[in-house]
Structures are given as structure tokens and as C-alpha cells.
Amino acid sequence: GKGRCLRKDYDSSHYLHLNSADFSI
């Protein structure tokens, strides 16, 4: 909780998304 997440490799295709199988909005 003391920093923000960011990609190790900026040119990759990994995102900060919640998995719909585990979360409901």
C-alpha cells in the first residue's frame, strides 16, 4: 500500500485487471 504497481517491461501486454472468475462488480 506504499507504492503503485507498474510493468517491469513497458512493452509487454500485461494489465492490472480483476479476474471475472474471482471478482464481481
PDB file of all heavy atoms in Angstrom:
ATOM      1  N   GLY A   1       0.797  -1.216   0.000  1.00  0.00           N
ATOM      2  CA  GLY A   1       0.000   0.000   0.000  1.00  0.00           C
ATOM      3  C   GLY A   1       0.829   1.265   0.000  1.00  0.00           C
ATOM      4  O   GLY A   1       0.297   2.372   0.149  1.00  0.00           O
ATOM      5  N   LYS A   2       2.135   1.134  -0.226  1.00  0.00           N
ATOM      6  CA  LYS A   2       3.045   2.280  -0.148  1.00  0.00           C
ATOM      7  C   LYS A   2       3.641   2.641  -1.503  1.00  0.00           C
ATOM      8  O   LYS A   2       4.609   3.399  -1.585  1.00  0.00           O
ATOM      9  CB  LYS A   2       4.171   1.987   0.841  1.00  0.00           C
ATOM     10  CG  LYS A   2       3.679   1.779   2.269  1.00  0.00           C
ATOM     11  CD  LYS A   2       4.829   1.447   3.199  1.00  0.00           C
ATOM     12  CE  LYS A   2       4.342   1.223   4.620  1.00  0.00           C
ATOM     13  NZ  LYS A   2       5.472   0.867   5.531  1.00  0.00           N
ATOM     14  N   GLY A   3       3.067   2.095  -2.557  1.00  0.00           N
ATOM     15  CA  GLY A   3       3.543   2.390  -3.904  1.00  0.00           C
ATOM     16  C   GLY A   3       2.532   1.890  -4.910  1.00  0.00           C
ATOM     17  O   GLY A   3       1.542   1.243  -4.550  1.00  0.00           O
ATOM     18  N   ARG A   4       2.776   2.204  -6.182  1.00  0.00           N
ATOM     19  CA  ARG A   4       1.886   1.718  -7.237  1.00  0.00           C
ATOM     20  C   ARG A   4       2.597   0.682  -8.094  1.00  0.00           C
ATOM     21  O   ARG A   4       3.827   0.703  -8.242  1.00  0.00           O
ATOM     22  CB  ARG A   4       1.371   2.863  -8.105  1.00  0.00           C
ATOM     23  CG  ARG A   4       2.390   3.607  -8.915  1.00  0.00           C
ATOM     24  CD  ARG A   4       1.709   4.532  -9.942  1.00  0.00           C
ATOM     25  NE  ARG A   4       0.680   5.365  -9.360  1.00  0.00           N
ATOM     26  CZ  ARG A   4       0.879   6.579  -8.856  1.00  0.00           C
ATOM     27  NH1 ARG A   4       2.100   7.083  -8.852  1.00  0.00           N
ATOM     28  NH2 ARG A   4      -0.115   7.279  -8.370  1.00  0.00           N
ATOM     29  N   CYS A   5       1.818  -0.243  -8.638  1.00  0.00           N
ATOM     30  CA  CYS A   5       2.364  -1.283  -9.499  1.00  0.00           C
ATOM     31  C   CYS A   5       2.574  -0.741 -10.907  1.00  0.00           C
ATOM     32  O   CYS A   5       1.739   0.020 -11.413  1.00  0.00           O
ATOM     33  CB  CYS A   5       1.412  -2.474  -9.556  1.00  0.00           C
ATOM     34  SG  CYS A   5       1.177  -3.313  -7.972  1.00  0.00           S
ATOM     35  N   LEU A   6       3.664  -1.125 -11.536  1.00  0.00           N
ATOM     36  CA  LEU A   6       3.876  -0.809 -12.943  1.00  0.00           C
ATOM     37  C   LEU A   6       4.672  -1.922 -13.585  1.00  0.00           C
ATOM     38  O   LEU A   6       5.384  -2.669 -12.912  1.00  0.00           O
ATOM     39  CB  LEU A   6       4.552   0.549 -13.134  1.00  0.00           C
ATOM     40  CG  LEU A   6       6.030   0.718 -12.770  1.00  0.00           C
ATOM     41  CD1 LEU A   6       6.572   1.966 -13.438  1.00  0.00           C
ATOM     42  CD2 LEU A   6       6.231   0.824 -11.270  1.00  0.00           C
ATOM     43  N   ARG A   7       4.507  -2.048 -14.893  1.00  0.00           N
ATOM     44  CA  ARG A   7       5.143  -3.135 -15.627  1.00  0.00           C
ATOM     45  C   ARG A   7       6.665  -3.113 -15.482  1.00  0.00           C
ATOM     46  O   ARG A   7       7.288  -2.054 -15.537  1.00  0.00           O
ATOM     47  CB  ARG A   7       4.820  -3.016 -17.112  1.00  0.00           C
ATOM     48  CG  ARG A   7       3.435  -3.437 -17.506  1.00  0.00           C
ATOM     49  CD  ARG A   7       3.289  -3.262 -19.009  1.00  0.00           C
ATOM     50  NE  ARG A   7       1.932  -3.514 -19.464  1.00  0.00           N
ATOM     51  CZ  ARG A   7       1.368  -2.880 -20.463  1.00  0.00           C
ATOM     52  NH1 ARG A   7       2.044  -1.953 -21.130  1.00  0.00           N
ATOM     53  NH2 ARG A   7       0.131  -3.180 -20.828  1.00  0.00           N
ATOM     54  N   LYS A   8       7.224  -4.303 -15.390  1.00  0.00           N
ATOM     55  CA  LYS A   8       8.680  -4.406 -15.450  1.00  0.00           C
ATOM     56  C   LYS A   8       9.165  -4.102 -16.865  1.00  0.00           C
ATOM     57  O   LYS A   8      10.163  -3.415 -17.059  1.00  0.00           O
ATOM     58  CB  LYS A   8       9.120  -5.811 -15.035  1.00  0.00           C
ATOM     59  CG  LYS A   8       8.870  -6.136 -13.577  1.00  0.00           C
ATOM     60  CD  LYS A   8       9.307  -7.559 -13.274  1.00  0.00           C
ATOM     61  CE  LYS A   8       9.038  -7.922 -11.839  1.00  0.00           C
ATOM     62  NZ  LYS A   8       9.415  -9.327 -11.541  1.00  0.00           N
ATOM     63  N   ASP A   9       8.466  -4.651 -17.847  1.00  0.00           N
ATOM     64  CA  ASP A   9       8.771  -4.398 -19.251  1.00  0.00           C
ATOM     65  C   ASP A   9       7.631  -3.565 -19.822  1.00  0.00           C
ATOM     66  O   ASP A   9       6.527  -4.069 -20.009  1.00  0.00           O
ATOM     67  CB  ASP A   9       8.905  -5.715 -20.009  1.00  0.00           C
ATOM     68  CG  ASP A   9       9.110  -5.528 -21.510  1.00  0.00           C
ATOM     69  OD1 ASP A   9       9.288  -4.374 -21.952  1.00  0.00           O
ATOM     70  OD2 ASP A   9       9.072  -6.541 -22.244  1.00  0.00           O
ATOM     71  N   TYR A  10       7.909  -2.299 -20.097  1.00  0.00           N
ATOM     72  CA  TYR A  10       6.834  -1.415 -20.517  1.00  0.00           C
ATOM     73  C   TYR A  10       6.177  -1.892 -21.804  1.00  0.00           C
ATOM     74  O   TYR A  10       4.991  -1.632 -22.042  1.00  0.00           O
ATOM     75  CB  TYR A  10       7.353   0.023 -20.678  1.00  0.00           C
ATOM     76  CG  TYR A  10       7.754   0.401 -22.088  1.00  0.00           C
ATOM     77  CD1 TYR A  10       6.837   0.981 -22.958  1.00  0.00           C
ATOM     78  CD2 TYR A  10       9.048   0.173 -22.563  1.00  0.00           C
ATOM     79  CE1 TYR A  10       7.197   1.330 -24.253  1.00  0.00           C
ATOM     80  CE2 TYR A  10       9.410   0.512 -23.846  1.00  0.00           C
ATOM     81  CZ  TYR A  10       8.482   1.092 -24.691  1.00  0.00           C
ATOM     82  OH  TYR A  10       8.829   1.430 -25.973  1.00  0.00           O
ATOM     83  N   ASP A  11       6.925  -2.615 -22.641  1.00  0.00           N
ATOM     84  CA  ASP A  11       6.426  -3.012 -23.957  1.00  0.00           C
ATOM     85  C   ASP A  11       5.779  -4.398 -23.946  1.00  0.00           C
ATOM     86  O   ASP A  11       5.630  -5.021 -24.996  1.00  0.00           O
ATOM     87  CB  ASP A  11       7.558  -2.970 -24.974  1.00  0.00           C
ATOM     88  CG  ASP A  11       7.068  -2.638 -26.382  1.00  0.00           C
ATOM     89  OD1 ASP A  11       5.917  -2.190 -26.523  1.00  0.00           O
ATOM     90  OD2 ASP A  11       7.841  -2.831 -27.339  1.00  0.00           O
ATOM     91  N   SER A  12       5.373  -4.856 -22.770  1.00  0.00           N
ATOM     92  CA  SER A  12       4.670  -6.135 -22.679  1.00  0.00           C
ATOM     93  C   SER A  12       3.167  -5.882 -22.715  1.00  0.00           C
ATOM     94  O   SER A  12       2.719  -4.734 -22.766  1.00  0.00           O
ATOM     95  CB  SER A  12       5.050  -6.871 -21.394  1.00  0.00           C
ATOM     96  OG  SER A  12       4.486  -6.224 -20.264  1.00  0.00           O
ATOM     97  N   SER A  13       2.389  -6.922 -22.665  1.00  0.00           N
ATOM     98  CA  SER A  13       0.932  -6.790 -22.740  1.00  0.00           C
ATOM     99  C   SER A  13       0.261  -7.359 -21.495  1.00  0.00           C
ATOM    100  O   SER A  13      -0.723  -8.089 -21.577  1.00  0.00           O
ATOM    101  CB  SER A  13       0.403  -7.491 -23.993  1.00  0.00           C
ATOM    102  OG  SER A  13       0.898  -6.858 -25.160  1.00  0.00           O
ATOM    103  N   HIS A  14       0.792  -7.025 -20.338  1.00  0.00           N
ATOM    104  CA  HIS A  14       0.220  -7.457 -19.069  1.00  0.00           C
ATOM    105  C   HIS A  14      -0.500  -6.278 -18.428  1.00  0.00           C
ATOM    106  O   HIS A  14       0.024  -5.159 -18.400  1.00  0.00           O
ATOM    107  CB  HIS A  14       1.306  -8.004 -18.150  1.00  0.00           C
ATOM    108  CG  HIS A  14       2.008  -9.200 -18.725  1.00  0.00           C
ATOM    109  ND1 HIS A  14       1.457 -10.463 -18.699  1.00  0.00           N
ATOM    110  CD2 HIS A  14       3.188  -9.312 -19.382  1.00  0.00           C
ATOM    111  CE1 HIS A  14       2.271 -11.313 -19.296  1.00  0.00           C
ATOM    112  NE2 HIS A  14       3.336 -10.642 -19.725  1.00  0.00           N
ATOM    113  N   TYR A  15      -1.682  -6.531 -17.912  1.00  0.00           N
ATOM    114  CA  TYR A  15      -2.546  -5.460 -17.414  1.00  0.00           C
ATOM    115  C   TYR A  15      -2.952  -5.694 -15.973  1.00  0.00           C
ATOM    116  O   TYR A  15      -2.901  -6.824 -15.463  1.00  0.00           O
ATOM    117  CB  TYR A  15      -3.799  -5.346 -18.288  1.00  0.00           C
ATOM    118  CG  TYR A  15      -3.506  -4.918 -19.704  1.00  0.00           C
ATOM    119  CD1 TYR A  15      -3.373  -5.864 -20.717  1.00  0.00           C
ATOM    120  CD2 TYR A  15      -3.330  -3.574 -20.027  1.00  0.00           C
ATOM    121  CE1 TYR A  15      -3.082  -5.479 -22.023  1.00  0.00           C
ATOM    122  CE2 TYR A  15      -3.042  -3.181 -21.314  1.00  0.00           C
ATOM    123  CZ  TYR A  15      -2.921  -4.131 -22.314  1.00  0.00           C
ATOM    124  OH  TYR A  15      -2.627  -3.736 -23.599  1.00  0.00           O
ATOM    125  N   LEU A  16      -3.366  -4.614 -15.336  1.00  0.00           N
ATOM    126  CA  LEU A  16      -3.941  -4.667 -13.998  1.00  0.00           C
ATOM    127  C   LEU A  16      -5.450  -4.816 -14.148  1.00  0.00           C
ATOM    128  O   LEU A  16      -6.187  -3.833 -14.236  1.00  0.00           O
ATOM    129  CB  LEU A  16      -3.583  -3.402 -13.222  1.00  0.00           C
ATOM    130  CG  LEU A  16      -2.091  -3.217 -12.917  1.00  0.00           C
ATOM    131  CD1 LEU A  16      -1.823  -1.834 -12.330  1.00  0.00           C
ATOM    132  CD2 LEU A  16      -1.580  -4.311 -11.984  1.00  0.00           C
ATOM    133  N   HIS A  17      -5.897  -6.053 -14.197  1.00  0.00           N
ATOM    134  CA  HIS A  17      -7.312  -6.361 -14.333  1.00  0.00           C
ATOM    135  C   HIS A  17      -7.721  -7.356 -13.257  1.00  0.00           C
ATOM    136  O   HIS A  17      -6.939  -8.234 -12.876  1.00  0.00           O
ATOM    137  CB  HIS A  17      -7.608  -6.981 -15.707  1.00  0.00           C
ATOM    138  CG  HIS A  17      -7.508  -6.021 -16.840  1.00  0.00           C
ATOM    139  ND1 HIS A  17      -7.289  -6.426 -18.150  1.00  0.00           N
ATOM    140  CD2 HIS A  17      -7.603  -4.665 -16.882  1.00  0.00           C
ATOM    141  CE1 HIS A  17      -7.246  -5.366 -18.936  1.00  0.00           C
ATOM    142  NE2 HIS A  17      -7.433  -4.289 -18.190  1.00  0.00           N
ATOM    143  N   LEU A  18      -8.938  -7.219 -12.767  1.00  0.00           N
ATOM    144  CA  LEU A  18      -9.509  -8.221 -11.877  1.00  0.00           C
ATOM    145  C   LEU A  18     -10.052  -9.369 -12.720  1.00  0.00           C
ATOM    146  O   LEU A  18     -10.707  -9.141 -13.744  1.00  0.00           O
ATOM    147  CB  LEU A  18     -10.632  -7.621 -11.036  1.00  0.00           C
ATOM    148  CG  LEU A  18     -10.272  -6.476 -10.081  1.00  0.00           C
ATOM    149  CD1 LEU A  18     -11.519  -6.002  -9.356  1.00  0.00           C
ATOM    150  CD2 LEU A  18      -9.197  -6.901  -9.091  1.00  0.00           C
ATOM    151  N   ASN A  19      -9.795 -10.576 -12.271  1.00  0.00           N
ATOM    152  CA  ASN A  19     -10.290 -11.758 -12.952  1.00  0.00           C
ATOM    153  C   ASN A  19     -11.788 -11.905 -12.685  1.00  0.00           C
ATOM    154  O   ASN A  19     -12.219 -11.986 -11.533  1.00  0.00           O
ATOM    155  CB  ASN A  19      -9.537 -12.995 -12.451  1.00  0.00           C
ATOM    156  CG  ASN A  19      -9.813 -14.224 -13.284  1.00  0.00           C
ATOM    157  OD1 ASN A  19     -10.882 -14.372 -13.869  1.00  0.00           O
ATOM    158  ND2 ASN A  19      -8.835 -15.123 -13.336  1.00  0.00           N
ATOM    159  N   SER A  20     -12.578 -11.931 -13.746  1.00  0.00           N
ATOM    160  CA  SER A  20     -14.036 -12.014 -13.597  1.00  0.00           C
ATOM    161  C   SER A  20     -14.470 -13.318 -12.943  1.00  0.00           C
ATOM    162  O   SER A  20     -15.582 -13.408 -12.408  1.00  0.00           O
ATOM    163  CB  SER A  20     -14.719 -11.861 -14.958  1.00  0.00           C
ATOM    164  OG  SER A  20     -14.295 -12.885 -15.850  1.00  0.00           O
ATOM    165  N   ALA A  21     -13.620 -14.327 -12.962  1.00  0.00           N
ATOM    166  CA  ALA A  21     -13.958 -15.592 -12.310  1.00  0.00           C
ATOM    167  C   ALA A  21     -13.885 -15.481 -10.793  1.00  0.00           C
ATOM    168  O   ALA A  21     -14.513 -16.267 -10.069  1.00  0.00           O
ATOM    169  CB  ALA A  21     -13.019 -16.698 -12.792  1.00  0.00           C
ATOM    170  N   ASP A  22     -13.127 -14.497 -10.298  1.00  0.00           N
ATOM    171  CA  ASP A  22     -12.919 -14.355  -8.859  1.00  0.00           C
ATOM    172  C   ASP A  22     -13.573 -13.116  -8.262  1.00  0.00           C
ATOM    173  O   ASP A  22     -13.693 -13.013  -7.037  1.00  0.00           O
ATOM    174  CB  ASP A  22     -11.404 -14.297  -8.558  1.00  0.00           C
ATOM    175  CG  ASP A  22     -10.662 -15.524  -9.049  1.00  0.00           C
ATOM    176  OD1 ASP A  22     -11.190 -16.630  -8.870  1.00  0.00           O
ATOM    177  OD2 ASP A  22      -9.572 -15.366  -9.623  1.00  0.00           O
ATOM    178  N   PHE A  23     -13.967 -12.170  -9.117  1.00  0.00           N
ATOM    179  CA  PHE A  23     -14.487 -10.899  -8.617  1.00  0.00           C
ATOM    180  C   PHE A  23     -15.821 -10.564  -9.270  1.00  0.00           C
ATOM    181  O   PHE A  23     -16.083 -10.922 -10.417  1.00  0.00           O
ATOM    182  CB  PHE A  23     -13.501  -9.760  -8.892  1.00  0.00           C
ATOM    183  CG  PHE A  23     -12.312  -9.749  -7.988  1.00  0.00           C
ATOM    184  CD1 PHE A  23     -11.182 -10.478  -8.307  1.00  0.00           C
ATOM    185  CD2 PHE A  23     -12.318  -9.021  -6.810  1.00  0.00           C
ATOM    186  CE1 PHE A  23     -10.089 -10.497  -7.473  1.00  0.00           C
ATOM    187  CE2 PHE A  23     -11.222  -9.024  -5.966  1.00  0.00           C
ATOM    188  CZ  PHE A  23     -10.104  -9.758  -6.297  1.00  0.00           C
ATOM    189  N   SER A  24     -16.621  -9.847  -8.528  1.00  0.00           N
ATOM    190  CA  SER A  24     -17.855  -9.293  -9.071  1.00  0.00           C
ATOM    191  C   SER A  24     -17.848  -7.795  -8.831  1.00  0.00           C
ATOM    192  O   SER A  24     -17.313  -7.309  -7.830  1.00  0.00           O
ATOM    193  CB  SER A  24     -19.089  -9.920  -8.410  1.00  0.00           C
ATOM    194  OG  SER A  24     -19.115  -9.634  -7.022  1.00  0.00           O
ATOM    195  N   ILE A  25     -18.407  -7.054  -9.788  1.00  0.00           N
ATOM    196  CA  ILE A  25     -18.517  -5.598  -9.680  1.00  0.00           C
ATOM    197  C   ILE A  25     -19.998  -5.257  -9.654  1.00  0.00           C
ATOM    198  O   ILE A  25     -20.736  -5.586 -10.580  1.00  0.00           O
ATOM    199  CB  ILE A  25     -17.807  -4.902 -10.849  1.00  0.00           C
ATOM    200  CG1 ILE A  25     -16.298  -5.175 -10.782  1.00  0.00           C
ATOM    201  CG2 ILE A  25     -18.070  -3.399 -10.826  1.00  0.00           C
ATOM    202  CD1 ILE A  25     -15.532  -4.672 -11.990  1.00  0.00           C
TER     203      ILE A  25
END
